[in-house]
């Protein structure tokens, strides 16, 4: 038995109405915990009376690495907050 056109149209309309009533459920996004770490304070400069050139150079490298790591976390956090493809 062939369905009548009004019944078929009503069935299609009900299916389409069900699709339009679907709403997205917001998901609470959380940044990666490492993005929320504070920046590390640089260590005290080696004692100028006892520090060797190598001690001073090593400390400068540690400070530069700490800065670059903090800058990267900040950049990643900005990307996350703006909705980009940050670490989630």
N, C-alpha and C. Protein backbone atom coordinates (compact mmCIF):
# COMPACT_ATOMS: atom_id res chain seq x y z
N UNK A 1 0.82 -1.16 0.00
CA UNK A 1 0.00 0.00 0.00
C UNK A 1 0.88 1.25 0.00
N UNK A 2 0.57 2.16 -0.84
CA UNK A 2 1.37 3.36 -1.04
C UNK A 2 0.91 4.45 -0.08
N UNK A 3 1.86 5.12 0.69
CA UNK A 3 1.43 6.16 1.62
C UNK A 3 0.89 7.35 0.86
N UNK A 4 -0.04 7.99 1.46
CA UNK A 4 -0.64 9.17 0.85
C UNK A 4 0.34 10.33 0.94
N UNK A 5 0.36 11.21 -0.06
CA UNK A 5 1.31 12.33 -0.05
C UNK A 5 1.25 13.19 1.19
N UNK A 6 0.07 13.54 1.74
CA UNK A 6 0.10 14.38 2.95
C UNK A 6 0.76 13.68 4.13
N UNK A 7 0.59 12.37 4.25
CA UNK A 7 1.21 11.63 5.35
C UNK A 7 2.72 11.61 5.17
N UNK A 8 3.18 11.41 3.94
CA UNK A 8 4.62 11.40 3.66
C UNK A 8 5.23 12.77 3.92
N UNK A 9 4.52 13.81 3.51
CA UNK A 9 5.03 15.17 3.73
C UNK A 9 5.09 15.48 5.22
N UNK A 10 4.08 15.05 5.96
CA UNK A 10 4.06 15.27 7.40
C UNK A 10 5.22 14.54 8.07
N UNK A 11 5.50 13.32 7.62
CA UNK A 11 6.62 12.54 8.18
C UNK A 11 7.94 13.24 7.94
N UNK A 12 8.13 13.74 6.72
CA UNK A 12 9.38 14.45 6.40
C UNK A 12 9.50 15.73 7.22
N UNK A 13 8.38 16.45 7.36
CA UNK A 13 8.41 17.69 8.13
C UNK A 13 8.76 17.42 9.59
N UNK A 14 8.27 16.33 10.15
CA UNK A 14 8.59 16.00 11.53
C UNK A 14 10.06 15.66 11.69
N UNK A 15 10.61 14.94 10.71
CA UNK A 15 12.04 14.60 10.77
C UNK A 15 12.89 15.87 10.68
N UNK A 16 12.54 16.78 9.78
CA UNK A 16 13.31 18.01 9.64
C UNK A 16 13.19 18.88 10.88
N UNK A 17 12.02 18.93 11.46
CA UNK A 17 11.82 19.71 12.67
C UNK A 17 12.67 19.17 13.81
N UNK A 18 12.82 17.86 13.87
CA UNK A 18 13.64 17.26 14.91
C UNK A 18 15.10 17.67 14.73
N UNK A 19 15.55 17.80 13.49
CA UNK A 19 16.93 18.20 13.25
C UNK A 19 17.17 19.65 13.63
N UNK A 20 16.19 20.51 13.38
CA UNK A 20 16.41 21.91 13.68
C UNK A 20 16.28 22.20 15.17
N UNK A 21 15.64 21.33 15.92
CA UNK A 21 15.50 21.58 17.35
C UNK A 21 16.73 21.14 18.12
N UNK A 22 17.66 20.46 17.46
CA UNK A 22 18.89 20.02 18.11
C UNK A 22 19.77 21.23 18.37
N UNK A 23 20.26 21.35 19.55
CA UNK A 23 21.18 22.45 19.85
C UNK A 23 22.48 21.88 20.40
N UNK A 24 23.55 22.59 20.12
CA UNK A 24 24.86 22.15 20.59
C UNK A 24 24.96 22.35 22.10
N UNK A 25 25.57 21.42 22.74
CA UNK A 25 25.79 21.52 24.18
C UNK A 25 27.18 22.09 24.40
N UNK A 26 27.30 23.22 25.08
CA UNK A 26 28.63 23.79 25.30
C UNK A 26 29.49 22.87 26.19
N UNK A 27 30.74 22.81 25.84
CA UNK A 27 31.68 22.00 26.60
C UNK A 27 32.65 22.95 27.30
N UNK A 28 32.82 22.75 28.56
CA UNK A 28 33.76 23.60 29.31
C UNK A 28 35.18 23.24 28.89
N UNK A 29 35.85 24.19 28.27
CA UNK A 29 37.23 23.96 27.85
C UNK A 29 38.16 24.31 29.00
N UNK A 30 39.17 23.53 29.15
CA UNK A 30 40.17 23.79 30.18
C UNK A 30 41.54 23.84 29.50
N UNK A 31 42.33 24.85 29.77
CA UNK A 31 43.67 24.87 29.18
C UNK A 31 44.54 23.79 29.83
N UNK A 32 45.53 23.39 29.10
CA UNK A 32 46.50 22.46 29.64
C UNK A 32 47.09 23.08 30.91
N UNK A 33 47.23 22.31 31.95
CA UNK A 33 47.69 22.83 33.25
C UNK A 33 49.07 23.49 33.14
N UNK A 34 49.89 23.02 32.23
CA UNK A 34 51.23 23.60 32.11
C UNK A 34 51.18 25.06 31.64
N UNK A 35 50.07 25.46 30.97
CA UNK A 35 49.97 26.84 30.51
C UNK A 35 49.72 27.81 31.66
N UNK A 36 49.31 27.29 32.79
CA UNK A 36 48.99 28.15 33.93
C UNK A 36 50.13 28.26 34.93
N UNK A 37 51.25 27.64 34.64
CA UNK A 37 52.40 27.73 35.54
C UNK A 37 52.96 29.15 35.54
N UNK A 38 53.38 29.64 36.69
CA UNK A 38 53.98 30.98 36.71
C UNK A 38 55.37 30.95 36.07
N UNK A 39 55.79 32.11 35.63
CA UNK A 39 57.15 32.21 35.08
C UNK A 39 58.15 32.06 36.21
N UNK A 40 59.24 31.40 35.91
CA UNK A 40 60.27 31.18 36.92
C UNK A 40 61.11 32.43 37.07
N UNK A 41 61.32 32.85 38.32
CA UNK A 41 62.19 33.99 38.56
C UNK A 41 63.63 33.58 38.28
N UNK A 42 64.40 34.49 37.69
CA UNK A 42 65.81 34.15 37.46
C UNK A 42 66.53 34.02 38.79
N UNK A 43 67.46 33.11 38.82
CA UNK A 43 68.26 32.90 40.03
C UNK A 43 69.14 34.13 40.26
N UNK A 44 69.62 34.24 41.46
CA UNK A 44 70.53 35.34 41.75
C UNK A 44 71.77 35.19 40.89
N UNK A 45 72.26 36.32 40.45
CA UNK A 45 73.48 36.31 39.65
C UNK A 45 74.61 35.74 40.50
N UNK A 46 75.46 34.91 39.90
CA UNK A 46 76.58 34.37 40.68
C UNK A 46 77.42 35.48 41.31
N UNK A 47 77.96 35.17 42.45
CA UNK A 47 78.80 36.14 43.18
C UNK A 47 79.94 36.60 42.27
N UNK A 48 80.02 37.89 41.98
CA UNK A 48 81.04 38.38 41.06
C UNK A 48 82.47 38.16 41.54
N UNK A 49 82.64 37.99 42.85
CA UNK A 49 83.99 37.78 43.36
C UNK A 49 84.48 36.36 43.13
N UNK A 50 83.55 35.39 43.09
CA UNK A 50 83.97 33.99 42.96
C UNK A 50 83.51 33.34 41.66
N UNK A 51 82.61 33.98 40.91
CA UNK A 51 82.08 33.36 39.69
C UNK A 51 83.10 33.41 38.56
N UNK A 52 83.14 32.32 37.86
CA UNK A 52 84.00 32.27 36.67
C UNK A 52 83.18 32.76 35.48
N UNK A 53 83.86 32.96 34.37
CA UNK A 53 83.15 33.35 33.14
C UNK A 53 82.15 32.25 32.75
N UNK A 54 82.53 31.01 32.97
CA UNK A 54 81.63 29.90 32.65
C UNK A 54 80.38 29.93 33.54
N UNK A 55 80.54 30.27 34.81
CA UNK A 55 79.38 30.37 35.72
C UNK A 55 78.41 31.45 35.23
N UNK A 56 78.96 32.60 34.85
CA UNK A 56 78.12 33.69 34.37
C UNK A 56 77.43 33.30 33.07
N UNK A 57 78.16 32.68 32.15
CA UNK A 57 77.59 32.26 30.87
C UNK A 57 76.49 31.22 31.09
N UNK A 58 76.72 30.27 31.99
CA UNK A 58 75.72 29.24 32.26
C UNK A 58 74.46 29.86 32.85
N UNK A 59 74.62 30.84 33.72
CA UNK A 59 73.46 31.51 34.31
C UNK A 59 72.68 32.29 33.26
N UNK A 60 73.39 32.95 32.37
CA UNK A 60 72.71 33.68 31.29
C UNK A 60 71.91 32.73 30.42
N UNK A 61 72.45 31.56 30.15
CA UNK A 61 71.73 30.57 29.35
C UNK A 61 70.48 30.09 30.09
N UNK A 62 70.61 29.82 31.40
CA UNK A 62 69.44 29.38 32.18
C UNK A 62 68.34 30.45 32.19
N UNK A 63 68.72 31.71 32.33
CA UNK A 63 67.74 32.79 32.34
C UNK A 63 67.07 32.91 30.96
N UNK A 64 67.85 32.81 29.90
CA UNK A 64 67.28 32.89 28.55
C UNK A 64 66.31 31.73 28.30
N UNK A 65 66.68 30.52 28.72
CA UNK A 65 65.80 29.36 28.54
C UNK A 65 64.50 29.51 29.33
N UNK A 66 64.61 30.04 30.55
CA UNK A 66 63.41 30.25 31.37
C UNK A 66 62.50 31.28 30.72
N UNK A 67 63.08 32.34 30.17
CA UNK A 67 62.29 33.35 29.48
C UNK A 67 61.58 32.75 28.27
N UNK A 68 62.30 32.01 27.45
CA UNK A 68 61.70 31.43 26.24
C UNK A 68 60.59 30.44 26.58
N UNK A 69 60.77 29.65 27.63
CA UNK A 69 59.72 28.71 28.04
C UNK A 69 58.48 29.47 28.51
N UNK A 70 58.68 30.53 29.28
CA UNK A 70 57.56 31.33 29.77
C UNK A 70 56.86 32.03 28.61
N UNK A 71 57.61 32.55 27.68
CA UNK A 71 57.03 33.22 26.51
C UNK A 71 56.19 32.23 25.70
N UNK A 72 56.67 31.01 25.52
CA UNK A 72 55.93 30.00 24.76
C UNK A 72 54.62 29.65 25.46
N UNK A 73 54.67 29.48 26.80
CA UNK A 73 53.43 29.20 27.55
C UNK A 73 52.44 30.34 27.41
N UNK A 74 52.94 31.57 27.47
CA UNK A 74 52.07 32.73 27.33
C UNK A 74 51.43 32.74 25.94
N UNK A 75 52.22 32.52 24.91
CA UNK A 75 51.69 32.49 23.54
C UNK A 75 50.64 31.39 23.38
N UNK A 76 50.90 30.22 23.95
CA UNK A 76 49.95 29.11 23.86
C UNK A 76 48.67 29.43 24.62
N UNK A 77 48.78 30.11 25.75
CA UNK A 77 47.61 30.48 26.52
C UNK A 77 46.78 31.52 25.77
N UNK A 78 47.43 32.47 25.11
CA UNK A 78 46.72 33.45 24.30
C UNK A 78 45.96 32.75 23.18
N UNK A 79 46.60 31.79 22.52
CA UNK A 79 45.94 31.03 21.46
C UNK A 79 44.73 30.29 22.01
N UNK A 80 44.85 29.69 23.18
CA UNK A 80 43.74 28.97 23.79
C UNK A 80 42.59 29.92 24.09
N UNK A 81 42.89 31.06 24.69
CA UNK A 81 41.83 31.99 25.08
C UNK A 81 41.11 32.55 23.85
N UNK A 82 41.84 32.79 22.79
CA UNK A 82 41.23 33.31 21.58
C UNK A 82 40.50 32.23 20.79
N UNK A 83 40.56 30.99 21.25
CA UNK A 83 39.81 29.92 20.58
C UNK A 83 40.56 29.23 19.48
N UNK A 84 41.85 29.43 19.40
CA UNK A 84 42.65 28.78 18.36
C UNK A 84 42.95 27.35 18.74
N UNK A 85 43.82 26.77 18.01
CA UNK A 85 44.18 25.37 18.23
C UNK A 85 45.24 25.27 19.29
N UNK A 86 44.91 25.70 20.46
CA UNK A 86 45.82 25.59 21.59
C UNK A 86 45.80 24.23 22.20
N UNK A 87 46.61 24.00 23.26
CA UNK A 87 46.61 22.71 23.96
C UNK A 87 45.37 22.62 24.82
N UNK A 88 44.57 21.62 24.62
CA UNK A 88 43.40 21.44 25.50
C UNK A 88 43.50 20.14 26.21
